[in-house]
Amino acid sequence: VDAELCATDLLGQAEHGYDSPAVLVTNSQKLAE
């Protein structure tokens, strides 16, 4: 998968509140960056 999809899904839940943890776990440094 690509970074746009990961970022969209992380922020989609982070908007819930100021204390909503969002975590990416990956084995790809390229995707992480």
All heavy atoms as atom14 arrays in JSON, in Angstrom:
{
  "sequence": "VDAELCATDLLGQAEHGYDSPAVLVTNSQKLAE",
  "atom14_mask": [
    [1, 1, 1, 1, 1, 1, 1, 0, 0, 0, 0, 0, 0, 0],
    [1, 1, 1, 1, 1, 1, 1, 1, 0, 0, 0, 0, 0, 0],
    [1, 1, 1, 1, 1, 0, 0, 0, 0, 0, 0, 0, 0, 0],
    [1, 1, 1, 1, 1, 1, 1, 1, 1, 0, 0, 0, 0, 0],
    [1, 1, 1, 1, 1, 1, 1, 1, 0, 0, 0, 0, 0, 0],
    [1, 1, 1, 1, 1, 1, 0, 0, 0, 0, 0, 0, 0, 0],
    [1, 1, 1, 1, 1, 0, 0, 0, 0, 0, 0, 0, 0, 0],
    [1, 1, 1, 1, 1, 1, 1, 0, 0, 0, 0, 0, 0, 0],
    [1, 1, 1, 1, 1, 1, 1, 1, 0, 0, 0, 0, 0, 0],
    [1, 1, 1, 1, 1, 1, 1, 1, 0, 0, 0, 0, 0, 0],
    [1, 1, 1, 1, 1, 1, 1, 1, 0, 0, 0, 0, 0, 0],
    [1, 1, 1, 1, 0, 0, 0, 0, 0, 0, 0, 0, 0, 0],
    [1, 1, 1, 1, 1, 1, 1, 1, 1, 0, 0, 0, 0, 0],
    [1, 1, 1, 1, 1, 0, 0, 0, 0, 0, 0, 0, 0, 0],
    [1, 1, 1, 1, 1, 1, 1, 1, 1, 0, 0, 0, 0, 0],
    [1, 1, 1, 1, 1, 1, 1, 1, 1, 1, 0, 0, 0, 0],
    [1, 1, 1, 1, 0, 0, 0, 0, 0, 0, 0, 0, 0, 0],
    [1, 1, 1, 1, 1, 1, 1, 1, 1, 1, 1, 1, 0, 0],
    [1, 1, 1, 1, 1, 1, 1, 1, 0, 0, 0, 0, 0, 0],
    [1, 1, 1, 1, 1, 1, 0, 0, 0, 0, 0, 0, 0, 0],
    [1, 1, 1, 1, 1, 1, 1, 0, 0, 0, 0, 0, 0, 0],
    [1, 1, 1, 1, 1, 0, 0, 0, 0, 0, 0, 0, 0, 0],
    [1, 1, 1, 1, 1, 1, 1, 0, 0, 0, 0, 0, 0, 0],
    [1, 1, 1, 1, 1, 1, 1, 1, 0, 0, 0, 0, 0, 0],
    [1, 1, 1, 1, 1, 1, 1, 0, 0, 0, 0, 0, 0, 0],
    [1, 1, 1, 1, 1, 1, 1, 0, 0, 0, 0, 0, 0, 0],
    [1, 1, 1, 1, 1, 1, 1, 1, 0, 0, 0, 0, 0, 0],
    [1, 1, 1, 1, 1, 1, 0, 0, 0, 0, 0, 0, 0, 0],
    [1, 1, 1, 1, 1, 1, 1, 1, 1, 0, 0, 0, 0, 0],
    [1, 1, 1, 1, 1, 1, 1, 1, 1, 0, 0, 0, 0, 0],
    [1, 1, 1, 1, 1, 1, 1, 1, 0, 0, 0, 0, 0, 0],
    [1, 1, 1, 1, 1, 0, 0, 0, 0, 0, 0, 0, 0, 0],
    [1, 1, 1, 1, 1, 1, 1, 1, 1, 0, 0, 0, 0, 0]
  ],
  "atom14_positions": [
    [[0.85, -1.19, 0.0], [0.0, 0.0, 0.0], [0.88, 1.24, 0.0], [2.09, 1.17, 0.2], [-0.97, 0.03, 1.22], [-2.0, -1.05, 1.08], [-0.21, -0.08, 2.53], [0.0, 0.0, 0.0], [0.0, 0.0, 0.0], [0.0, 0.0, 0.0], [0.0, 0.0, 0.0], [0.0, 0.0, 0.0], [0.0, 0.0, 0.0], [0.0, 0.0, 0.0]],
    [[0.26, 2.39, -0.21], [1.0, 3.63, -0.34], [0.81, 4.54, 0.86], [-0.08, 4.33, 1.7], [0.6, 4.37, -1.62], [-0.89, 4.72, -1.64], [-1.27, 5.78, -1.11], [-1.66, 3.9, -2.17], [0.0, 0.0, 0.0], [0.0, 0.0, 0.0], [0.0, 0.0, 0.0], [0.0, 0.0, 0.0], [0.0, 0.0, 0.0], [0.0, 0.0, 0.0]],
    [[1.62, 5.56, 0.93], [1.64, 6.48, 2.06], [0.35, 7.28, 2.19], [-0.1, 7.58, 3.29], [2.84, 7.43, 1.94], [0.0, 0.0, 0.0], [0.0, 0.0, 0.0], [0.0, 0.0, 0.0], [0.0, 0.0, 0.0], [0.0, 0.0, 0.0], [0.0, 0.0, 0.0], [0.0, 0.0, 0.0], [0.0, 0.0, 0.0], [0.0, 0.0, 0.0]],
    [[-0.26, 7.66, 1.07], [-1.49, 8.45, 1.12], [-2.58, 7.67, 1.85], [-3.32, 8.24, 2.67], [-1.97, 8.81, -0.28], [-3.22, 9.69, -0.26], [-3.76, 9.99, -1.64], [-3.46, 9.22, -2.58], [-4.49, 11.01, -1.79], [0.0, 0.0, 0.0], [0.0, 0.0, 0.0], [0.0, 0.0, 0.0], [0.0, 0.0, 0.0], [0.0, 0.0, 0.0]],
    [[-2.7, 6.37, 1.56], [-3.71, 5.54, 2.21], [-3.43, 5.44, 3.71], [-4.33, 5.61, 4.53], [-3.73, 4.15, 1.57], [-5.0, 3.31, 1.72], [-6.2, 4.01, 1.12], [-4.81, 1.94, 1.08], [0.0, 0.0, 0.0], [0.0, 0.0, 0.0], [0.0, 0.0, 0.0], [0.0, 0.0, 0.0], [0.0, 0.0, 0.0], [0.0, 0.0, 0.0]],
    [[-2.18, 5.18, 4.08], [-1.82, 5.07, 5.49], [-2.06, 6.37, 6.24], [-2.64, 6.38, 7.34], [-0.35, 4.65, 5.63], [0.03, 2.99, 5.02], [0.0, 0.0, 0.0], [0.0, 0.0, 0.0], [0.0, 0.0, 0.0], [0.0, 0.0, 0.0], [0.0, 0.0, 0.0], [0.0, 0.0, 0.0], [0.0, 0.0, 0.0], [0.0, 0.0, 0.0]],
    [[-1.62, 7.47, 5.66], [-1.77, 8.77, 6.32], [-3.25, 9.14, 6.48], [-3.66, 9.66, 7.52], [-1.04, 9.85, 5.52], [0.0, 0.0, 0.0], [0.0, 0.0, 0.0], [0.0, 0.0, 0.0], [0.0, 0.0, 0.0], [0.0, 0.0, 0.0], [0.0, 0.0, 0.0], [0.0, 0.0, 0.0], [0.0, 0.0, 0.0], [0.0, 0.0, 0.0]],
    [[-4.04, 8.87, 5.45], [-5.47, 9.17, 5.51], [-6.15, 8.4, 6.64], [-6.96, 8.94, 7.38], [-6.14, 8.84, 4.17], [-5.56, 9.66, 3.14], [-7.64, 9.07, 4.22], [0.0, 0.0, 0.0], [0.0, 0.0, 0.0], [0.0, 0.0, 0.0], [0.0, 0.0, 0.0], [0.0, 0.0, 0.0], [0.0, 0.0, 0.0], [0.0, 0.0, 0.0]],
    [[-5.79, 7.13, 6.76], [-6.41, 6.29, 7.79], [-5.96, 6.66, 9.19], [-6.73, 6.58, 10.14], [-6.13, 4.82, 7.5], [-6.91, 4.32, 6.27], [-7.9, 4.98, 5.89], [-6.53, 3.28, 5.7], [0.0, 0.0, 0.0], [0.0, 0.0, 0.0], [0.0, 0.0, 0.0], [0.0, 0.0, 0.0], [0.0, 0.0, 0.0], [0.0, 0.0, 0.0]],
    [[-4.73, 7.08, 9.34], [-4.24, 7.51, 10.65], [-4.92, 8.81, 11.09], [-5.41, 8.92, 12.21], [-2.72, 7.67, 10.62], [-1.91, 6.38, 10.51], [-0.46, 6.67, 10.12], [-1.96, 5.58, 11.81], [0.0, 0.0, 0.0], [0.0, 0.0, 0.0], [0.0, 0.0, 0.0], [0.0, 0.0, 0.0], [0.0, 0.0, 0.0], [0.0, 0.0, 0.0]],
    [[-4.96, 9.79, 10.19], [-5.56, 11.07, 10.55], [-7.08, 10.98, 10.67], [-7.69, 11.75, 11.41], [-5.18, 12.13, 9.51], [-3.7, 12.52, 9.46], [-3.46, 13.56, 8.38], [-3.23, 13.04, 10.82], [0.0, 0.0, 0.0], [0.0, 0.0, 0.0], [0.0, 0.0, 0.0], [0.0, 0.0, 0.0], [0.0, 0.0, 0.0], [0.0, 0.0, 0.0]],
    [[-7.68, 10.03, 9.95], [-9.12, 9.85, 10.03], [-9.6, 9.54, 11.43], [-10.73, 9.87, 11.81], [0.0, 0.0, 0.0], [0.0, 0.0, 0.0], [0.0, 0.0, 0.0], [0.0, 0.0, 0.0], [0.0, 0.0, 0.0], [0.0, 0.0, 0.0], [0.0, 0.0, 0.0], [0.0, 0.0, 0.0], [0.0, 0.0, 0.0], [0.0, 0.0, 0.0]],
    [[-8.75, 8.92, 12.23], [-9.1, 8.64, 13.62], [-8.49, 9.64, 14.59], [-9.04, 9.9, 15.66], [-8.66, 7.22, 13.99], [-9.38, 6.13, 13.2], [-10.88, 6.16, 13.4], [-11.38, 6.06, 14.52], [-11.63, 6.32, 12.32], [0.0, 0.0, 0.0], [0.0, 0.0, 0.0], [0.0, 0.0, 0.0], [0.0, 0.0, 0.0], [0.0, 0.0, 0.0]],
    [[-7.38, 10.24, 14.22], [-6.74, 11.25, 15.08], [-7.63, 12.47, 15.26], [-7.49, 13.2, 16.25], [-5.39, 11.66, 14.49], [0.0, 0.0, 0.0], [0.0, 0.0, 0.0], [0.0, 0.0, 0.0], [0.0, 0.0, 0.0], [0.0, 0.0, 0.0], [0.0, 0.0, 0.0], [0.0, 0.0, 0.0], [0.0, 0.0, 0.0], [0.0, 0.0, 0.0]],
    [[-8.57, 12.7, 14.33], [-9.44, 13.87, 14.45], [-10.48, 13.73, 15.55], [-11.17, 14.7, 15.89], [-10.13, 14.16, 13.11], [-11.26, 13.2, 12.77], [-11.97, 13.55, 11.48], [-11.58, 14.5, 10.81], [-12.92, 12.82, 11.09], [0.0, 0.0, 0.0], [0.0, 0.0, 0.0], [0.0, 0.0, 0.0], [0.0, 0.0, 0.0], [0.0, 0.0, 0.0]],
    [[-10.6, 12.54, 16.15], [-11.57, 12.33, 17.22], [-11.36, 13.29, 18.38], [-12.31, 13.8, 18.96], [-11.48, 10.89, 17.75], [-12.54, 10.0, 17.19], [-13.84, 10.04, 17.59], [-12.47, 9.02, 16.26], [-14.54, 9.13, 16.93], [-13.75, 8.5, 16.12], [0.0, 0.0, 0.0], [0.0, 0.0, 0.0], [0.0, 0.0, 0.0], [0.0, 0.0, 0.0]],
    [[-10.11, 13.47, 18.76], [-9.83, 14.32, 19.92], [-8.34, 14.59, 20.05], [-7.53, 14.05, 19.3], [0.0, 0.0, 0.0], [0.0, 0.0, 0.0], [0.0, 0.0, 0.0], [0.0, 0.0, 0.0], [0.0, 0.0, 0.0], [0.0, 0.0, 0.0], [0.0, 0.0, 0.0], [0.0, 0.0, 0.0], [0.0, 0.0, 0.0], [0.0, 0.0, 0.0]],
    [[-7.99, 15.42, 21.02], [-6.59, 15.79, 21.2], [-5.74, 14.69, 21.81], [-4.52, 14.81, 21.9], [-6.49, 17.05, 22.08], [-7.21, 18.24, 21.52], [-8.29, 18.8, 22.18], [-6.81, 18.81, 20.32], [-8.96, 19.9, 21.67], [-7.47, 19.92, 19.79], [-8.55, 20.45, 20.47], [-9.21, 21.54, 19.95], [0.0, 0.0, 0.0], [0.0, 0.0, 0.0]],
    [[-6.4, 13.61, 22.25], [-5.68, 12.53, 22.92], [-5.96, 11.18, 22.28], [-6.14, 10.18, 22.95], [-6.06, 12.49, 24.4], [-7.57, 12.42, 24.63], [-8.33, 12.46, 23.63], [-7.98, 12.33, 25.8], [0.0, 0.0, 0.0], [0.0, 0.0, 0.0], [0.0, 0.0, 0.0], [0.0, 0.0, 0.0], [0.0, 0.0, 0.0], [0.0, 0.0, 0.0]],
    [[-6.01, 11.15, 20.94], [-6.34, 9.93, 20.21], [-5.08, 9.35, 19.56], [-4.66, 9.83, 18.49], [-7.39, 10.21, 19.14], [-8.6, 10.68, 19.73], [0.0, 0.0, 0.0], [0.0, 0.0, 0.0], [0.0, 0.0, 0.0], [0.0, 0.0, 0.0], [0.0, 0.0, 0.0], [0.0, 0.0, 0.0], [0.0, 0.0, 0.0], [0.0, 0.0, 0.0]],
    [[-4.47, 8.33, 20.15], [-3.24, 7.76, 19.58], [-3.47, 7.16, 18.19], [-4.46, 6.47, 17.95], [-2.86, 6.66, 20.58], [-3.55, 7.04, 21.85], [-4.83, 7.68, 21.42], [0.0, 0.0, 0.0], [0.0, 0.0, 0.0], [0.0, 0.0, 0.0], [0.0, 0.0, 0.0], [0.0, 0.0, 0.0], [0.0, 0.0, 0.0], [0.0, 0.0, 0.0]],
    [[-2.54, 7.42, 17.28], [-2.54, 6.83, 15.95], [-1.13, 6.31, 15.68], [-0.15, 7.04, 15.81], [-2.94, 7.86, 14.89], [0.0, 0.0, 0.0], [0.0, 0.0, 0.0], [0.0, 0.0, 0.0], [0.0, 0.0, 0.0], [0.0, 0.0, 0.0], [0.0, 0.0, 0.0], [0.0, 0.0, 0.0], [0.0, 0.0, 0.0], [0.0, 0.0, 0.0]],
    [[-1.03, 5.04, 15.31], [0.27, 4.36, 15.23], [0.4, 3.64, 13.89], [-0.5, 2.9, 13.49], [0.43, 3.33, 16.37], [1.79, 2.65, 16.28], [0.25, 4.01, 17.73], [0.0, 0.0, 0.0], [0.0, 0.0, 0.0], [0.0, 0.0, 0.0], [0.0, 0.0, 0.0], [0.0, 0.0, 0.0], [0.0, 0.0, 0.0], [0.0, 0.0, 0.0]],
    [[1.51, 3.85, 13.23], [1.87, 3.08, 12.04], [2.93, 2.07, 12.41], [3.96, 2.41, 12.97], [2.4, 3.99, 10.93], [2.97, 3.27, 9.69], [1.89, 2.51, 8.93], [3.68, 4.26, 8.75], [0.0, 0.0, 0.0], [0.0, 0.0, 0.0], [0.0, 0.0, 0.0], [0.0, 0.0, 0.0], [0.0, 0.0, 0.0], [0.0, 0.0, 0.0]],
    [[2.66, 0.79, 12.1], [3.64, -0.28, 12.28], [3.96, -0.84, 10.9], [3.07, -1.31, 10.19], [3.1, -1.4, 13.2], [4.13, -2.51, 13.35], [2.72, -0.84, 14.56], [0.0, 0.0, 0.0], [0.0, 0.0, 0.0], [0.0, 0.0, 0.0], [0.0, 0.0, 0.0], [0.0, 0.0, 0.0], [0.0, 0.0, 0.0], [0.0, 0.0, 0.0]],
    [[5.21, -0.79, 10.52], [5.59, -1.21, 9.18], [6.98, -1.82, 9.15], [7.78, -1.6, 10.06], [5.53, -0.03, 8.19], [5.82, -0.48, 6.86], [6.51, 1.08, 8.6], [0.0, 0.0, 0.0], [0.0, 0.0, 0.0], [0.0, 0.0, 0.0], [0.0, 0.0, 0.0], [0.0, 0.0, 0.0], [0.0, 0.0, 0.0], [0.0, 0.0, 0.0]],
    [[7.25, -2.6, 8.12], [8.6, -3.14, 7.89], [9.28, -2.45, 6.71], [10.3, -2.92, 6.22], [8.54, -4.66, 7.65], [7.64, -5.05, 6.48], [7.0, -4.2, 5.85], [7.58, -6.34, 6.19], [0.0, 0.0, 0.0], [0.0, 0.0, 0.0], [0.0, 0.0, 0.0], [0.0, 0.0, 0.0], [0.0, 0.0, 0.0], [0.0, 0.0, 0.0]],
    [[8.7, -1.33, 6.3], [9.24, -0.59, 5.17], [9.65, 0.81, 5.61], [8.8, 1.64, 5.94], [8.2, -0.49, 4.04], [8.6, 0.45, 3.07], [0.0, 0.0, 0.0], [0.0, 0.0, 0.0], [0.0, 0.0, 0.0], [0.0, 0.0, 0.0], [0.0, 0.0, 0.0], [0.0, 0.0, 0.0], [0.0, 0.0, 0.0], [0.0, 0.0, 0.0]],
    [[10.94, 1.09, 5.56], [11.4, 2.44, 5.91], [10.88, 3.45, 4.9], [10.52, 4.58, 5.27], [12.93, 2.49, 5.98], [13.45, 3.88, 6.38], [14.75, 3.86, 7.13], [15.29, 2.81, 7.46], [15.26, 5.05, 7.46], [0.0, 0.0, 0.0], [0.0, 0.0, 0.0], [0.0, 0.0, 0.0], [0.0, 0.0, 0.0], [0.0, 0.0, 0.0]],
    [[10.83, 3.05, 3.64], [10.32, 3.93, 2.6], [8.88, 4.35, 2.9], [8.54, 5.54, 2.87], [10.4, 3.24, 1.24], [9.86, 4.05, 0.06], [10.11, 3.29, -1.25], [9.58, 4.05, -2.47], [8.12, 4.09, -2.51], [0.0, 0.0, 0.0], [0.0, 0.0, 0.0], [0.0, 0.0, 0.0], [0.0, 0.0, 0.0], [0.0, 0.0, 0.0]],
    [[8.03, 3.38, 3.23], [6.63, 3.68, 3.53], [6.51, 4.54, 4.79], [5.71, 5.47, 4.85], [5.82, 2.39, 3.71], [4.34, 2.57, 4.04], [3.6, 3.24, 2.88], [3.7, 1.22, 4.37], [0.0, 0.0, 0.0], [0.0, 0.0, 0.0], [0.0, 0.0, 0.0], [0.0, 0.0, 0.0], [0.0, 0.0, 0.0], [0.0, 0.0, 0.0]],
    [[7.34, 4.25, 5.78], [7.31, 5.02, 7.02], [7.63, 6.48, 6.77], [6.91, 7.38, 7.23], [8.28, 4.42, 8.03], [0.0, 0.0, 0.0], [0.0, 0.0, 0.0], [0.0, 0.0, 0.0], [0.0, 0.0, 0.0], [0.0, 0.0, 0.0], [0.0, 0.0, 0.0], [0.0, 0.0, 0.0], [0.0, 0.0, 0.0], [0.0, 0.0, 0.0]],
    [[8.7, 6.73, 6.05], [9.13, 8.11, 5.8], [8.12, 8.84, 4.91], [7.81, 10.01, 5.14], [10.52, 8.11, 5.18], [11.61, 7.63, 6.16], [12.96, 7.47, 5.51], [13.03, 7.55, 4.25], [13.97, 7.27, 6.24], [0.0, 0.0, 0.0], [0.0, 0.0, 0.0], [0.0, 0.0, 0.0], [0.0, 0.0, 0.0], [0.0, 0.0, 0.0]]
  ]
}
